[in-house]
C-alpha atoms as a PDB file:
ATOM      1  CA  MET A   1       3.831  11.507  -4.238  1.00  0.00           C
ATOM      2  CA  TYR A   2       6.710   9.069  -3.929  1.00  0.00           C
ATOM      3  CA  VAL A   3       6.288   6.759  -0.970  1.00  0.00           C
ATOM      4  CA  CYS A   4       9.256   4.453  -1.609  1.00  0.00           C
ATOM      5  CA  VAL A   5      12.154   6.341  -3.139  1.00  0.00           C
ATOM      6  CA  CYS A   6      14.326   3.206  -3.374  1.00  0.00           C
ATOM      7  CA  HIS A   7      11.876   1.594  -5.804  1.00  0.00           C
ATOM      8  CA  ALA A   8      10.103   4.728  -7.107  1.00  0.00           C
ATOM      9  CA  VAL A   9       6.708   3.605  -5.767  1.00  0.00           C
ATOM     10  CA  THR A  10       4.010   6.257  -5.599  1.00  0.00           C
ATOM     11  CA  ASP A  11       0.850   6.575  -3.542  1.00  0.00           C
ATOM     12  CA  ARG A  12      -1.107   6.046  -6.771  1.00  0.00           C
ATOM     13  CA  GLN A  13       0.555   2.668  -7.265  1.00  0.00           C
ATOM     14  CA  ILE A  14      -0.330   1.708  -3.702  1.00  0.00           C
ATOM     15  CA  ARG A  15      -3.973   2.697  -4.291  1.00  0.00           C
ATOM     16  CA  GLU A  16      -3.981   0.632  -7.484  1.00  0.00           C
ATOM     17  CA  ALA A  17      -2.471  -2.332  -5.635  1.00  0.00           C
ATOM     18  CA  ALA A  18      -5.170  -2.021  -2.967  1.00  0.00           C
ATOM     19  CA  ALA A  19      -7.850  -1.932  -5.661  1.00  0.00           C
ATOM     20  CA  GLY A  20      -6.220  -5.047  -7.106  1.00  0.00           C
ATOM     21  CA  GLY A  21      -6.384  -6.931  -3.825  1.00  0.00           C
ATOM     22  CA  ALA A  22      -3.375  -5.888  -1.723  1.00  0.00           C
ATOM     23  CA  ARG A  23      -4.428  -5.824   1.910  1.00  0.00           C
ATOM     24  CA  THR A  24      -1.197  -5.870   3.909  1.00  0.00           C
ATOM     25  CA  LEU A  25       2.268  -4.373   3.862  1.00  0.00           C
ATOM     26  CA  LYS A  26       3.488  -7.853   2.976  1.00  0.00           C
ATOM     27  CA  ASP A  27       1.308  -7.717  -0.161  1.00  0.00           C
ATOM     28  CA  LEU A  28       2.862  -4.374  -1.100  1.00  0.00           C
ATOM     29  CA  ARG A  29       6.331  -5.769  -0.509  1.00  0.00           C
ATOM     30  CA  ARG A  30       5.567  -8.706  -2.793  1.00  0.00           C
ATOM     31  CA  ASP A  31       3.880  -6.654  -5.519  1.00  0.00           C
ATOM     32  CA  LEU A  32       5.779  -3.343  -5.449  1.00  0.00           C
ATOM     33  CA  ASN A  33       8.997  -4.063  -3.506  1.00  0.00           C
ATOM     34  CA  VAL A  34       8.011  -1.494  -0.868  1.00  0.00           C
ATOM     35  CA  THR A  35      10.216  -1.732   2.282  1.00  0.00           C
ATOM     36  CA  ARG A  36      12.659  -4.164   0.627  1.00  0.00           C
ATOM     37  CA  ASP A  37      15.718  -1.933   0.973  1.00  0.00           C
ATOM     38  CA  CYS A  38      15.948   0.746   3.658  1.00  0.00           C
ATOM     39  CA  GLY A  39      12.437   0.330   5.100  1.00  0.00           C
ATOM     40  CA  ARG A  40      11.914   4.036   5.764  1.00  0.00           C
ATOM     41  CA  CYS A  41       8.753   4.007   3.655  1.00  0.00           C
ATOM     42  CA  ALA A  42       6.958   1.411   5.788  1.00  0.00           C
ATOM     43  CA  SER A  43       4.835   3.770   7.881  1.00  0.00           C
ATOM     44  CA  CYS A  44       3.831   5.946   4.928  1.00  0.00           C
ATOM     45  CA  ALA A  45       3.093   2.889   2.770  1.00  0.00           C
ATOM     46  CA  ARG A  46       0.986   1.416   5.590  1.00  0.00           C
ATOM     47  CA  ASP A  47      -0.942   4.683   5.932  1.00  0.00           C
ATOM     48  CA  CYS A  48      -1.556   4.927   2.177  1.00  0.00           C
ATOM     49  CA  LEU A  49      -2.729   1.328   2.086  1.00  0.00           C
ATOM     50  CA  ALA A  50      -5.048   1.823   5.065  1.00  0.00           C
ATOM     51  CA  GLU A  51      -6.578   4.894   3.436  1.00  0.00           C
ATOM     52  CA  ALA A  52      -7.018   3.098   0.115  1.00  0.00           C
ATOM     53  CA  CYS A  53      -8.529   0.077   1.844  1.00  0.00           C
ATOM     54  CA  SER A  54     -10.999   2.203   3.786  1.00  0.00           C
ATOM     55  CA  ARG A  55     -12.094   3.845   0.548  1.00  0.00           C
ATOM     56  CA  ASN A  56     -12.408   0.451  -1.127  1.00  0.00           C
ATOM     57  CA  ALA A  57     -14.266  -0.909   1.873  1.00  0.00           C
ATOM     58  CA  SER A  58     -16.810   1.858   1.604  1.00  0.00           C
ATOM     59  CA  ALA A  59     -17.265   1.140  -2.086  1.00  0.00           C
ATOM     60  CA  ASN A  60     -17.064  -2.667  -1.943  1.00  0.00           C
ATOM     61  CA  GLU A  61     -17.876  -3.479   1.696  1.00  0.00           C
ATOM     62  CA  THR A  62     -14.564  -5.350   1.945  1.00  0.00           C
ATOM     63  CA  LEU A  63     -12.376  -5.276   5.043  1.00  0.00           C
ATOM     64  CA  CYS A  64      -8.659  -4.574   4.754  1.00  0.00           C
ATOM     65  CA  GLN A  65      -5.841  -4.951   7.207  1.00  0.00           C
ATOM     66  CA  ALA A  66      -2.828  -2.728   6.776  1.00  0.00           C
ATOM     67  CA  ALA A  67      -0.569  -4.773   9.009  1.00  0.00           C
END
């Protein structure tokens, strides 16, 4: 599913970014340009990141902050 239409970023890309170390919305903005233009994707991107981080935390015992 597309999360950021402005930059064609999908939930899969957000999960991959989380697996690669992204922990915050700022990380996603830096790595994927999420929220750079209109910003409407921020809440969905944050939710996707939080879900991905919780899955990674269960697997890796690493804490994530989706702030």
